[in-house]
Amino acid sequence: MRLTARRIVLDTIATGPAILIAALALLSLGYALRWYALERRRRHADPDAPAASRRPGWLDMLTGFVANFFDTLGIGSFATTTAIFKLRHRVADERIPATLNVGHALPTVAQALIFIAVVSVDLTTLVGMIAAAVAGAWCGVGVVSRLPRRAIQIGMGAALLVSAALFAAANLEWLPGGGEALGLHGVRLAFAVAMSFVLGALMMLGIGLYAPCLILVSLLGMNPIAAFPIMMGACAFLMPVGGAAFVRTGRYDLAAALGLTLGGIPGVLIAAFVVKSLPLVWLRWLVVVVVLYAAAQMLMSSRRRPPEPSADNRAASVPPSP
C-alpha cells in the first residue's frame, strides 16, 4: 500500500509539467477563439469601420519579432515594445498596456511551452507562483481598464524608469547571482507566492514581470535558470486572462496587437531553437537608453493638458432632448 501511494506521488510529479502544458495549450486556444469572436462581433456592430484599422503593418510584425526574439533570450518584451511604440507614435498611451497584454499573449505561451518542457522546477513552486500571478492579473485588469489616460502615463513612465534601472543593474552585475535550488518551501514559498500576485497585477499596467521575477527567485536562493519556466509560465497563463478582458473592453489597438502576435511567434521559435544564446550586454545598454527616452516621453505627455473641445464639438456632445 505504501509503495502504491509512493508510486502515485511520483507519477503525479512526473506528469505535472505535462498537465501544465496541456492546460496552457487549451487556455491559448480558448483565448484565440475568444479574441476572434469578440472582434468579429465588434466588426458586425460597426461595419463602416475602416479595414485598415484591423490590418497590422510590417513594422508592427517586425516589432513583435524583435521584442519576442530577445524576450525568449531573457530581455523582457514590454519595455522594449513600449519604447518602440513611443518612438513611432504608434499607439495612444492609454491603449499601450492592453495592446501589450493582448498582442504578446500567444508568443509568451510559445515560450512557456518550450521552457516548462525542458527546465526542471519544483512543481509546487511553479504552480503556486503561476496561480498567484494569474489571480493578480484577474484583479488588476479591471482597475487598469478604467484608469484615465494621465494615470496610465504616469504609471507606465515610472515603470519604464524601473525597467531601465533593472537593465542597468544587470549590466553592472549588481543583481544577485542566485543559488542552486530548484524550488522553495515554507516561508520563502509563501513570500514568493505573495509577490507573484503583486507582479501579476502590475503586468496589467504594462510593467514586465521577467526582471522582477528573476530578481525575486535569485534573492530567495533559487537557480536563475529556474526563473525562466516560472516567469514565462506565469505570463503565459495570466496574459490570456488579462488579454481577453482587455479585448472585451476594446481599449487596445487591434492592428498593433495582431502585428505583435504574428511577428512574435516566429521570433520565439527562432530564438529558442536556432540562436539559443547571444552576447546581450551591449544590447541591454541600448535598451536602457531607449527605455529612458520612452519614460521621459511618457511622463512629459502626462504633464500636457488635453486640448479643450471647440464650441461646435461641445454642442455636438450634448445629447438631444427627448
C-alpha atoms as a PDB file:
ATOM      1  CA  MET A   1       0.000   0.000   0.000  1.00  0.00           C
ATOM      2  CA  ARG A   2       2.832   2.366   0.914  1.00  0.00           C
ATOM      3  CA  LEU A   3       4.658   1.583  -2.345  1.00  0.00           C
ATOM      4  CA  THR A   4       1.487   2.200  -4.324  1.00  0.00           C
ATOM      5  CA  ALA A   5       0.952   5.589  -2.697  1.00  0.00           C
ATOM      6  CA  ARG A   6       4.579   6.496  -3.316  1.00  0.00           C
ATOM      7  CA  ARG A   7       4.257   5.497  -6.966  1.00  0.00           C
ATOM      8  CA  ILE A   8       1.141   7.688  -7.324  1.00  0.00           C
ATOM      9  CA  VAL A   9       3.010  10.678  -5.888  1.00  0.00           C
ATOM     10  CA  LEU A  10       5.997  10.126  -8.191  1.00  0.00           C
ATOM     11  CA  ASP A  11       3.761   9.720 -11.230  1.00  0.00           C
ATOM     12  CA  THR A  12       1.904  12.917 -10.342  1.00  0.00           C
ATOM     13  CA  ILE A  13       5.160  14.835 -10.065  1.00  0.00           C
ATOM     14  CA  ALA A  14       6.392  13.417 -13.374  1.00  0.00           C
ATOM     15  CA  THR A  15       3.175  14.275 -15.199  1.00  0.00           C
ATOM     16  CA  GLY A  16       2.817  17.698 -13.573  1.00  0.00           C
ATOM     17  CA  PRO A  17       4.600  19.606 -16.363  1.00  0.00           C
ATOM     18  CA  ALA A  18       2.576  17.662 -18.951  1.00  0.00           C
ATOM     19  CA  ILE A  19      -0.650  18.728 -17.238  1.00  0.00           C
ATOM     20  CA  LEU A  20       0.542  22.348 -17.184  1.00  0.00           C
ATOM     21  CA  ILE A  21       1.434  22.188 -20.864  1.00  0.00           C
ATOM     22  CA  ALA A  22      -1.974  20.711 -21.748  1.00  0.00           C
ATOM     23  CA  ALA A  23      -3.773  23.347 -19.674  1.00  0.00           C
ATOM     24  CA  LEU A  24      -1.725  26.095 -21.299  1.00  0.00           C
ATOM     25  CA  ALA A  25      -2.490  24.785 -24.782  1.00  0.00           C
ATOM     26  CA  LEU A  26      -6.220  24.733 -24.030  1.00  0.00           C
ATOM     27  CA  LEU A  27      -6.098  28.211 -22.494  1.00  0.00           C
ATOM     28  CA  SER A  28      -4.304  29.666 -25.514  1.00  0.00           C
ATOM     29  CA  LEU A  29      -6.777  28.040 -27.900  1.00  0.00           C
ATOM     30  CA  GLY A  30      -9.684  29.431 -25.897  1.00  0.00           C
ATOM     31  CA  TYR A  31      -8.042  32.862 -25.845  1.00  0.00           C
ATOM     32  CA  ALA A  32      -7.520  32.887 -29.629  1.00  0.00           C
ATOM     33  CA  LEU A  33     -11.142  31.831 -30.253  1.00  0.00           C
ATOM     34  CA  ARG A  34     -12.439  34.407 -27.782  1.00  0.00           C
ATOM     35  CA  TRP A  35     -10.343  37.163 -29.381  1.00  0.00           C
ATOM     36  CA  TYR A  36     -11.671  36.240 -32.844  1.00  0.00           C
ATOM     37  CA  ALA A  37     -15.290  36.037 -31.673  1.00  0.00           C
ATOM     38  CA  LEU A  38     -15.219  39.390 -29.866  1.00  0.00           C
ATOM     39  CA  GLU A  39     -13.608  41.207 -32.787  1.00  0.00           C
ATOM     40  CA  ARG A  40     -15.990  39.593 -35.266  1.00  0.00           C
ATOM     41  CA  ARG A  41     -18.933  40.763 -33.170  1.00  0.00           C
ATOM     42  CA  ARG A  42     -17.436  44.246 -32.938  1.00  0.00           C
ATOM     43  CA  ARG A  43     -16.900  44.366 -36.701  1.00  0.00           C
ATOM     44  CA  HIS A  44     -20.519  43.370 -37.369  1.00  0.00           C
ATOM     45  CA  ALA A  45     -21.692  46.040 -34.930  1.00  0.00           C
ATOM     46  CA  ASP A  46     -19.654  48.682 -36.791  1.00  0.00           C
ATOM     47  CA  PRO A  47     -19.424  47.599 -40.447  1.00  0.00           C
ATOM     48  CA  ASP A  48     -18.327  51.082 -41.537  1.00  0.00           C
ATOM     49  CA  ALA A  49     -15.059  50.923 -39.581  1.00  0.00           C
ATOM     50  CA  PRO A  50     -12.052  51.125 -41.964  1.00  0.00           C
ATOM     51  CA  ALA A  51     -10.469  47.754 -42.717  1.00  0.00           C
ATOM     52  CA  ALA A  52      -7.009  49.292 -42.439  1.00  0.00           C
ATOM     53  CA  SER A  53      -7.537  49.720 -38.693  1.00  0.00           C
ATOM     54  CA  ARG A  54      -7.581  45.906 -38.377  1.00  0.00           C
ATOM     55  CA  ARG A  55      -4.568  45.106 -40.568  1.00  0.00           C
ATOM     56  CA  PRO A  56      -1.120  45.016 -38.967  1.00  0.00           C
ATOM     57  CA  GLY A  57       1.686  46.690 -40.890  1.00  0.00           C
ATOM     58  CA  TRP A  58       5.080  45.127 -41.472  1.00  0.00           C
ATOM     59  CA  LEU A  59       6.586  47.412 -38.810  1.00  0.00           C
ATOM     60  CA  ASP A  60       4.100  46.041 -36.270  1.00  0.00           C
ATOM     61  CA  MET A  61       5.143  42.485 -37.120  1.00  0.00           C
ATOM     62  CA  LEU A  62       8.824  43.429 -37.045  1.00  0.00           C
ATOM     63  CA  THR A  63       8.302  44.933 -33.591  1.00  0.00           C
ATOM     64  CA  GLY A  64       6.686  41.689 -32.444  1.00  0.00           C
ATOM     65  CA  PHE A  65       9.500  39.599 -33.916  1.00  0.00           C
ATOM     66  CA  VAL A  66      12.325  41.639 -32.361  1.00  0.00           C
ATOM     67  CA  ALA A  67      10.660  42.062 -28.953  1.00  0.00           C
ATOM     68  CA  ASN A  68       9.811  38.369 -28.573  1.00  0.00           C
ATOM     69  CA  PHE A  69      13.109  37.165 -30.029  1.00  0.00           C
ATOM     70  CA  PHE A  70      15.016  38.954 -27.284  1.00  0.00           C
ATOM     71  CA  ASP A  71      12.280  38.216 -24.761  1.00  0.00           C
ATOM     72  CA  THR A  72      12.997  34.498 -25.214  1.00  0.00           C
ATOM     73  CA  LEU A  73      16.683  35.187 -24.516  1.00  0.00           C
ATOM     74  CA  GLY A  74      15.831  36.925 -21.237  1.00  0.00           C
ATOM     75  CA  ILE A  75      15.122  40.574 -22.170  1.00  0.00           C
ATOM     76  CA  GLY A  76      11.516  41.480 -21.355  1.00  0.00           C
ATOM     77  CA  SER A  77       9.263  42.477 -24.243  1.00  0.00           C
ATOM     78  CA  PHE A  78       7.056  45.069 -22.533  1.00  0.00           C
ATOM     79  CA  ALA A  79       9.666  47.796 -22.005  1.00  0.00           C
ATOM     80  CA  THR A  80      11.161  47.418 -25.477  1.00  0.00           C
ATOM     81  CA  THR A  81       7.759  47.352 -27.188  1.00  0.00           C
ATOM     82  CA  THR A  82       6.585  50.408 -25.262  1.00  0.00           C
ATOM     83  CA  ALA A  83       9.750  52.251 -26.262  1.00  0.00           C
ATOM     84  CA  ILE A  84       9.182  51.369 -29.934  1.00  0.00           C
ATOM     85  CA  PHE A  85       5.539  52.463 -29.744  1.00  0.00           C
ATOM     86  CA  LYS A  86       6.569  55.806 -28.264  1.00  0.00           C
ATOM     87  CA  LEU A  87       9.337  56.338 -30.804  1.00  0.00           C
ATOM     88  CA  ARG A  88       6.930  55.605 -33.658  1.00  0.00           C
ATOM     89  CA  HIS A  89       3.941  57.370 -32.064  1.00  0.00           C
ATOM     90  CA  ARG A  90       2.169  54.147 -32.949  1.00  0.00           C
ATOM     91  CA  VAL A  91      -0.339  53.551 -30.120  1.00  0.00           C
ATOM     92  CA  ALA A  92      -2.168  56.005 -27.873  1.00  0.00           C
ATOM     93  CA  ASP A  93      -0.691  55.979 -24.380  1.00  0.00           C
ATOM     94  CA  GLU A  94      -3.862  54.813 -22.649  1.00  0.00           C
ATOM     95  CA  ARG A  95      -4.079  51.831 -25.046  1.00  0.00           C
ATOM     96  CA  ILE A  96      -0.494  50.615 -24.636  1.00  0.00           C
ATOM     97  CA  PRO A  97      -0.962  48.338 -21.549  1.00  0.00           C
ATOM     98  CA  ALA A  98      -3.880  46.499 -23.163  1.00  0.00           C
ATOM     99  CA  THR A  99      -2.115  46.230 -26.539  1.00  0.00           C
ATOM    100  CA  LEU A 100       0.964  44.725 -24.869  1.00  0.00           C
ATOM    101  CA  ASN A 101      -1.045  42.102 -22.973  1.00  0.00           C
ATOM    102  CA  VAL A 102      -3.254  41.204 -25.930  1.00  0.00           C
ATOM    103  CA  GLY A 103      -0.501  41.107 -28.559  1.00  0.00           C
ATOM    104  CA  HIS A 104       2.259  39.382 -26.592  1.00  0.00           C
ATOM    105  CA  ALA A 105      -0.002  36.707 -25.045  1.00  0.00           C
ATOM    106  CA  LEU A 106       0.357  33.959 -27.653  1.00  0.00           C
ATOM    107  CA  PRO A 107       4.123  34.423 -28.245  1.00  0.00           C
ATOM    108  CA  THR A 108       4.596  34.170 -24.470  1.00  0.00           C
ATOM    109  CA  VAL A 109       2.580  30.954 -24.456  1.00  0.00           C
ATOM    110  CA  ALA A 110       5.015  29.568 -27.032  1.00  0.00           C
ATOM    111  CA  GLN A 111       7.933  30.493 -24.749  1.00  0.00           C
ATOM    112  CA  ALA A 112       6.299  28.845 -21.743  1.00  0.00           C
ATOM    113  CA  LEU A 113       5.564  25.613 -23.593  1.00  0.00           C
ATOM    114  CA  ILE A 114       9.234  25.330 -24.512  1.00  0.00           C
ATOM    115  CA  PHE A 115      10.751  26.187 -21.132  1.00  0.00           C
ATOM    116  CA  ILE A 116       8.296  24.227 -18.970  1.00  0.00           C
ATOM    117  CA  ALA A 117       9.134  21.169 -21.072  1.00  0.00           C
ATOM    118  CA  VAL A 118      12.940  21.487 -20.887  1.00  0.00           C
ATOM    119  CA  VAL A 119      13.718  23.074 -17.471  1.00  0.00           C
ATOM    120  CA  SER A 120      13.060  21.161 -14.241  1.00  0.00           C
ATOM    121  CA  VAL A 121      11.425  23.162 -11.421  1.00  0.00           C
ATOM    122  CA  ASP A 122       9.710  22.079  -8.203  1.00  0.00           C
ATOM    123  CA  LEU A 123       6.056  21.624  -9.177  1.00  0.00           C
ATOM    124  CA  THR A 124       4.620  23.238  -6.027  1.00  0.00           C
ATOM    125  CA  THR A 125       6.748  26.353  -6.542  1.00  0.00           C
ATOM    126  CA  LEU A 126       5.921  26.522 -10.240  1.00  0.00           C
ATOM    127  CA  VAL A 127       2.158  26.073  -9.856  1.00  0.00           C
ATOM    128  CA  GLY A 128       1.906  28.293  -6.762  1.00  0.00           C
ATOM    129  CA  MET A 129       3.673  31.259  -8.339  1.00  0.00           C
ATOM    130  CA  ILE A 130       1.803  30.882 -11.630  1.00  0.00           C
ATOM    131  CA  ALA A 131      -1.591  30.687  -9.913  1.00  0.00           C
ATOM    132  CA  ALA A 132      -0.824  33.744  -7.774  1.00  0.00           C
ATOM    133  CA  ALA A 133       0.246  35.773 -10.806  1.00  0.00           C
ATOM    134  CA  VAL A 134      -2.953  34.845 -12.665  1.00  0.00           C
ATOM    135  CA  ALA A 135      -5.045  35.871  -9.645  1.00  0.00           C
ATOM    136  CA  GLY A 136      -3.193  39.186  -9.503  1.00  0.00           C
ATOM    137  CA  ALA A 137      -3.830  39.788 -13.189  1.00  0.00           C
ATOM    138  CA  TRP A 138      -7.515  38.994 -12.753  1.00  0.00           C
ATOM    139  CA  CYS A 139      -7.778  41.593 -10.010  1.00  0.00           C
ATOM    140  CA  GLY A 140      -5.604  44.151 -11.795  1.00  0.00           C
ATOM    141  CA  VAL A 141      -7.184  44.153 -15.231  1.00  0.00           C
ATOM    142  CA  GLY A 142     -10.471  45.624 -14.008  1.00  0.00           C
ATOM    143  CA  VAL A 143      -8.623  48.522 -12.408  1.00  0.00           C
ATOM    144  CA  VAL A 144      -6.350  49.283 -15.372  1.00  0.00           C
ATOM    145  CA  SER A 145      -9.162  49.146 -17.937  1.00  0.00           C
ATOM    146  CA  ARG A 146     -10.879  52.032 -16.089  1.00  0.00           C
ATOM    147  CA  LEU A 147      -7.827  54.188 -15.389  1.00  0.00           C
ATOM    148  CA  PRO A 148      -7.721  57.631 -17.026  1.00  0.00           C
ATOM    149  CA  ARG A 149      -5.072  58.431 -19.626  1.00  0.00           C
ATOM    150  CA  ARG A 150      -2.926  60.519 -17.274  1.00  0.00           C
ATOM    151  CA  ALA A 151      -2.786  57.828 -14.585  1.00  0.00           C
ATOM    152  CA  ILE A 152      -1.629  55.283 -17.163  1.00  0.00           C
ATOM    153  CA  GLN A 153       1.007  57.673 -18.490  1.00  0.00           C
ATOM    154  CA  ILE A 154       2.426  58.308 -15.030  1.00  0.00           C
ATOM    155  CA  GLY A 155       2.303  54.628 -14.096  1.00  0.00           C
ATOM    156  CA  MET A 156       3.983  53.476 -17.285  1.00  0.00           C
ATOM    157  CA  GLY A 157       6.566  56.264 -17.112  1.00  0.00           C
ATOM    158  CA  ALA A 158       7.532  55.169 -13.609  1.00  0.00           C
ATOM    159  CA  ALA A 159       7.547  51.509 -14.705  1.00  0.00           C
ATOM    160  CA  LEU A 160       9.873  52.288 -17.595  1.00  0.00           C
ATOM    161  CA  LEU A 161      12.272  54.070 -15.247  1.00  0.00           C
ATOM    162  CA  VAL A 162      12.307  50.982 -13.006  1.00  0.00           C
ATOM    163  CA  SER A 163      12.886  48.748 -16.042  1.00  0.00           C
ATOM    164  CA  ALA A 164      15.814  50.895 -17.173  1.00  0.00           C
ATOM    165  CA  ALA A 165      17.315  50.710 -13.676  1.00  0.00           C
ATOM    166  CA  LEU A 166      16.977  46.907 -13.661  1.00  0.00           C
ATOM    167  CA  PHE A 167      18.624  46.626 -17.088  1.00  0.00           C
ATOM    168  CA  ALA A 168      21.483  48.844 -15.918  1.00  0.00           C
ATOM    169  CA  ALA A 169      21.886  46.842 -12.693  1.00  0.00           C
ATOM    170  CA  ALA A 170      22.037  43.613 -14.697  1.00  0.00           C
ATOM    171  CA  ASN A 171      24.739  45.071 -16.953  1.00  0.00           C
ATOM    172  CA  LEU A 172      26.767  46.201 -13.931  1.00  0.00           C
ATOM    173  CA  GLU A 173      26.302  42.773 -12.274  1.00  0.00           C
ATOM    174  CA  TRP A 174      24.662  44.311  -9.210  1.00  0.00           C
ATOM    175  CA  LEU A 175      21.835  41.773  -9.207  1.00  0.00           C
ATOM    176  CA  PRO A 176      22.035  38.638  -7.029  1.00  0.00           C
ATOM    177  CA  GLY A 177      23.563  35.596  -8.679  1.00  0.00           C
ATOM    178  CA  GLY A 178      21.143  33.144  -7.079  1.00  0.00           C
ATOM    179  CA  GLY A 179      21.743  29.686  -5.660  1.00  0.00           C
ATOM    180  CA  GLU A 180      21.243  26.119  -6.818  1.00  0.00           C
ATOM    181  CA  ALA A 181      17.737  25.374  -5.506  1.00  0.00           C
ATOM    182  CA  LEU A 182      15.002  24.413  -7.951  1.00  0.00           C
ATOM    183  CA  GLY A 183      12.141  25.043  -5.524  1.00  0.00           C
ATOM    184  CA  LEU A 184      11.005  26.921  -2.424  1.00  0.00           C
ATOM    185  CA  HIS A 185       9.365  25.793   0.810  1.00  0.00           C
ATOM    186  CA  GLY A 186       7.723  27.259   3.896  1.00  0.00           C
ATOM    187  CA  VAL A 187       8.003  30.989   4.479  1.00  0.00           C
ATOM    188  CA  ARG A 188      10.068  31.571   1.314  1.00  0.00           C
ATOM    189  CA  LEU A 189       7.429  29.896  -0.829  1.00  0.00           C
ATOM    190  CA  ALA A 190       4.653  31.938   0.806  1.00  0.00           C
ATOM    191  CA  PHE A 191       6.591  35.158   0.201  1.00  0.00           C
ATOM    192  CA  ALA A 192       7.244  34.217  -3.446  1.00  0.00           C
ATOM    193  CA  VAL A 193       3.552  33.463  -3.994  1.00  0.00           C
ATOM    194  CA  ALA A 194       2.505  36.797  -2.450  1.00  0.00           C
ATOM    195  CA  MET A 195       4.987  38.715  -4.599  1.00  0.00           C
ATOM    196  CA  SER A 196       3.812  36.852  -7.704  1.00  0.00           C
ATOM    197  CA  PHE A 197       0.292  38.115  -7.027  1.00  0.00           C
ATOM    198  CA  VAL A 198       1.596  41.702  -6.961  1.00  0.00           C
ATOM    199  CA  LEU A 199       3.675  41.222 -10.111  1.00  0.00           C
ATOM    200  CA  GLY A 200       0.684  39.730 -11.935  1.00  0.00           C
ATOM    201  CA  ALA A 201      -1.441  42.765 -11.081  1.00  0.00           C
ATOM    202  CA  LEU A 202       1.317  45.138 -12.218  1.00  0.00           C
ATOM    203  CA  MET A 203       1.540  43.297 -15.557  1.00  0.00           C
ATOM    204  CA  MET A 204      -1.849  44.734 -16.438  1.00  0.00           C
ATOM    205  CA  LEU A 205      -0.347  48.227 -16.224  1.00  0.00           C
ATOM    206  CA  GLY A 206       2.354  47.250 -18.708  1.00  0.00           C
ATOM    207  CA  ILE A 207       5.068  46.538 -16.111  1.00  0.00           C
ATOM    208  CA  GLY A 208       7.023  43.496 -17.293  1.00  0.00           C
ATOM    209  CA  LEU A 209       7.265  40.518 -14.935  1.00  0.00           C
ATOM    210  CA  TYR A 210      10.517  38.968 -16.172  1.00  0.00           C
ATOM    211  CA  ALA A 211      13.169  41.108 -14.489  1.00  0.00           C
ATOM    212  CA  PRO A 212      11.379  41.394 -11.094  1.00  0.00           C
ATOM    213  CA  CYS A 213      10.663  37.649 -11.088  1.00  0.00           C
ATOM    214  CA  LEU A 214      14.279  36.812 -11.914  1.00  0.00           C
ATOM    215  CA  ILE A 215      15.479  39.033  -9.071  1.00  0.00           C
ATOM    216  CA  LEU A 216      12.884  37.545  -6.685  1.00  0.00           C
ATOM    217  CA  VAL A 217      13.829  33.900  -7.211  1.00  0.00           C
ATOM    218  CA  SER A 218      17.538  34.736  -7.133  1.00  0.00           C
ATOM    219  CA  LEU A 219      17.178  36.578  -3.804  1.00  0.00           C
ATOM    220  CA  LEU A 220      15.353  33.548  -2.414  1.00  0.00           C
ATOM    221  CA  GLY A 221      18.260  31.278  -3.333  1.00  0.00           C
ATOM    222  CA  MET A 222      16.940  29.600  -6.477  1.00  0.00           C
ATOM    223  CA  ASN A 223      18.913  28.855  -9.609  1.00  0.00           C
ATOM    224  CA  PRO A 224      18.248  31.731 -12.072  1.00  0.00           C
ATOM    225  CA  ILE A 225      17.573  29.161 -14.818  1.00  0.00           C
ATOM    226  CA  ALA A 226      14.558  28.018 -12.772  1.00  0.00           C
ATOM    227  CA  ALA A 227      13.118  31.514 -13.153  1.00  0.00           C
ATOM    228  CA  PHE A 228      12.517  31.009 -16.889  1.00  0.00           C
ATOM    229  CA  PRO A 229       9.671  28.456 -16.702  1.00  0.00           C
ATOM    230  CA  ILE A 230       8.235  30.300 -13.682  1.00  0.00           C
ATOM    231  CA  MET A 231       8.168  33.758 -15.230  1.00  0.00           C
ATOM    232  CA  MET A 232       7.242  32.576 -18.708  1.00  0.00           C
ATOM    233  CA  GLY A 233       4.620  30.185 -17.352  1.00  0.00           C
ATOM    234  CA  ALA A 234       3.117  32.900 -15.147  1.00  0.00           C
ATOM    235  CA  CYS A 235       2.941  35.356 -18.045  1.00  0.00           C
ATOM    236  CA  ALA A 236       1.579  32.682 -20.386  1.00  0.00           C
ATOM    237  CA  PHE A 237      -1.313  31.926 -18.052  1.00  0.00           C
ATOM    238  CA  LEU A 238      -2.078  35.463 -16.919  1.00  0.00           C
ATOM    239  CA  MET A 239      -1.745  37.294 -20.247  1.00  0.00           C
ATOM    240  CA  PRO A 240      -4.582  35.392 -21.993  1.00  0.00           C
ATOM    241  CA  VAL A 241      -6.729  36.031 -18.902  1.00  0.00           C
ATOM    242  CA  GLY A 242      -5.947  39.752 -18.872  1.00  0.00           C
ATOM    243  CA  GLY A 243      -5.812  39.976 -22.670  1.00  0.00           C
ATOM    244  CA  ALA A 244      -9.324  38.557 -23.098  1.00  0.00           C
ATOM    245  CA  ALA A 245     -10.652  41.121 -20.618  1.00  0.00           C
ATOM    246  CA  PHE A 246      -8.899  43.935 -22.493  1.00  0.00           C
ATOM    247  CA  VAL A 247     -10.286  42.692 -25.819  1.00  0.00           C
ATOM    248  CA  ARG A 248     -13.775  42.757 -24.330  1.00  0.00           C
ATOM    249  CA  THR A 249     -13.360  46.417 -23.361  1.00  0.00           C
ATOM    250  CA  GLY A 250     -11.997  47.310 -26.816  1.00  0.00           C
ATOM    251  CA  ARG A 251      -9.462  49.675 -25.240  1.00  0.00           C
ATOM    252  CA  TYR A 252      -6.491  48.471 -27.294  1.00  0.00           C
ATOM    253  CA  ASP A 253      -5.021  48.787 -30.791  1.00  0.00           C
ATOM    254  CA  LEU A 254      -6.117  45.751 -32.805  1.00  0.00           C
ATOM    255  CA  ALA A 255      -3.697  46.134 -35.722  1.00  0.00           C
ATOM    256  CA  ALA A 256      -0.675  46.639 -33.448  1.00  0.00           C
ATOM    257  CA  ALA A 257      -1.675  43.673 -31.263  1.00  0.00           C
ATOM    258  CA  LEU A 258      -2.073  41.406 -34.304  1.00  0.00           C
ATOM    259  CA  GLY A 259       1.347  42.516 -35.532  1.00  0.00           C
ATOM    260  CA  LEU A 260       2.939  41.646 -32.187  1.00  0.00           C
ATOM    261  CA  THR A 261       1.340  38.193 -32.309  1.00  0.00           C
ATOM    262  CA  LEU A 262       2.098  37.364 -35.946  1.00  0.00           C
ATOM    263  CA  GLY A 263       5.687  38.546 -35.723  1.00  0.00           C
ATOM    264  CA  GLY A 264       6.270  37.372 -32.171  1.00  0.00           C
ATOM    265  CA  ILE A 265       5.669  33.634 -32.529  1.00  0.00           C
ATOM    266  CA  PRO A 266       8.368  33.142 -35.244  1.00  0.00           C
ATOM    267  CA  GLY A 267      10.713  35.290 -33.140  1.00  0.00           C
ATOM    268  CA  VAL A 268      10.245  32.950 -30.174  1.00  0.00           C
ATOM    269  CA  LEU A 269      10.831  29.798 -32.212  1.00  0.00           C
ATOM    270  CA  ILE A 270      13.977  31.121 -33.886  1.00  0.00           C
ATOM    271  CA  ALA A 271      15.427  32.362 -30.583  1.00  0.00           C
ATOM    272  CA  ALA A 272      14.666  29.102 -28.748  1.00  0.00           C
ATOM    273  CA  PHE A 273      15.678  26.539 -31.375  1.00  0.00           C
ATOM    274  CA  VAL A 274      18.134  28.290 -33.710  1.00  0.00           C
ATOM    275  CA  VAL A 275      20.006  31.055 -31.871  1.00  0.00           C
ATOM    276  CA  LYS A 276      19.607  29.858 -28.210  1.00  0.00           C
ATOM    277  CA  SER A 277      22.019  32.478 -26.784  1.00  0.00           C
ATOM    278  CA  LEU A 278      23.743  35.734 -27.712  1.00  0.00           C
ATOM    279  CA  PRO A 279      26.119  38.199 -26.005  1.00  0.00           C
ATOM    280  CA  LEU A 280      23.454  40.705 -24.947  1.00  0.00           C
ATOM    281  CA  VAL A 281      25.327  43.209 -22.768  1.00  0.00           C
ATOM    282  CA  TRP A 282      25.591  45.953 -25.408  1.00  0.00           C
ATOM    283  CA  LEU A 283      22.014  45.380 -26.486  1.00  0.00           C
ATOM    284  CA  ARG A 284      20.906  45.828 -22.861  1.00  0.00           C
ATOM    285  CA  TRP A 285      22.718  49.179 -22.715  1.00  0.00           C
ATOM    286  CA  LEU A 286      20.955  50.236 -25.908  1.00  0.00           C
ATOM    287  CA  VAL A 287      17.655  49.169 -24.370  1.00  0.00           C
ATOM    288  CA  VAL A 288      18.454  51.264 -21.271  1.00  0.00           C
ATOM    289  CA  VAL A 289      18.876  54.376 -23.423  1.00  0.00           C
ATOM    290  CA  VAL A 290      15.740  53.739 -25.483  1.00  0.00           C
ATOM    291  CA  VAL A 291      13.604  52.914 -22.443  1.00  0.00           C
ATOM    292  CA  LEU A 292      14.777  56.053 -20.621  1.00  0.00           C
ATOM    293  CA  TYR A 293      13.746  58.084 -23.665  1.00  0.00           C
ATOM    294  CA  ALA A 294      10.322  56.418 -23.719  1.00  0.00           C
ATOM    295  CA  ALA A 295       9.891  57.015 -19.966  1.00  0.00           C
ATOM    296  CA  ALA A 296      10.705  60.707 -20.398  1.00  0.00           C
ATOM    297  CA  GLN A 297       8.239  60.978 -23.280  1.00  0.00           C
ATOM    298  CA  MET A 298       5.506  59.220 -21.296  1.00  0.00           C
ATOM    299  CA  LEU A 299       5.983  61.415 -18.226  1.00  0.00           C
ATOM    300  CA  MET A 300       6.119  64.608 -20.302  1.00  0.00           C
ATOM    301  CA  SER A 301       2.917  63.554 -22.059  1.00  0.00           C
ATOM    302  CA  SER A 302       1.233  63.220 -18.673  1.00  0.00           C
ATOM    303  CA  ARG A 303       2.027  66.895 -17.954  1.00  0.00           C
ATOM    304  CA  ARG A 304       0.276  68.139 -21.074  1.00  0.00           C
ATOM    305  CA  ARG A 305      -3.345  69.101 -20.732  1.00  0.00           C
ATOM    306  CA  PRO A 306      -5.676  67.638 -23.365  1.00  0.00           C
ATOM    307  CA  PRO A 307      -6.985  70.286 -25.790  1.00  0.00           C
ATOM    308  CA  GLU A 308     -10.247  71.921 -24.832  1.00  0.00           C
ATOM    309  CA  PRO A 309     -13.131  70.925 -27.150  1.00  0.00           C
ATOM    310  CA  SER A 310     -14.331  73.601 -29.536  1.00  0.00           C
ATOM    311  CA  ALA A 311     -17.773  75.164 -29.219  1.00  0.00           C
ATOM    312  CA  ASP A 312     -19.048  73.034 -32.102  1.00  0.00           C
ATOM    313  CA  ASN A 313     -17.724  69.846 -30.509  1.00  0.00           C
ATOM    314  CA  ARG A 314     -19.216  70.775 -27.129  1.00  0.00           C
ATOM    315  CA  ALA A 315     -22.565  71.398 -28.775  1.00  0.00           C
ATOM    316  CA  ALA A 316     -22.361  68.108 -30.651  1.00  0.00           C
ATOM    317  CA  SER A 317     -21.588  66.236 -27.455  1.00  0.00           C
ATOM    318  CA  VAL A 318     -24.839  67.424 -25.781  1.00  0.00           C
ATOM    319  CA  PRO A 319     -27.460  64.711 -26.187  1.00  0.00           C
ATOM    320  CA  PRO A 320     -30.681  65.758 -27.943  1.00  0.00           C
ATOM    321  CA  SER A 321     -33.756  66.407 -25.838  1.00  0.00           C
ATOM    322  CA  PRO A 322     -36.231  63.541 -25.706  1.00  0.00           C
END
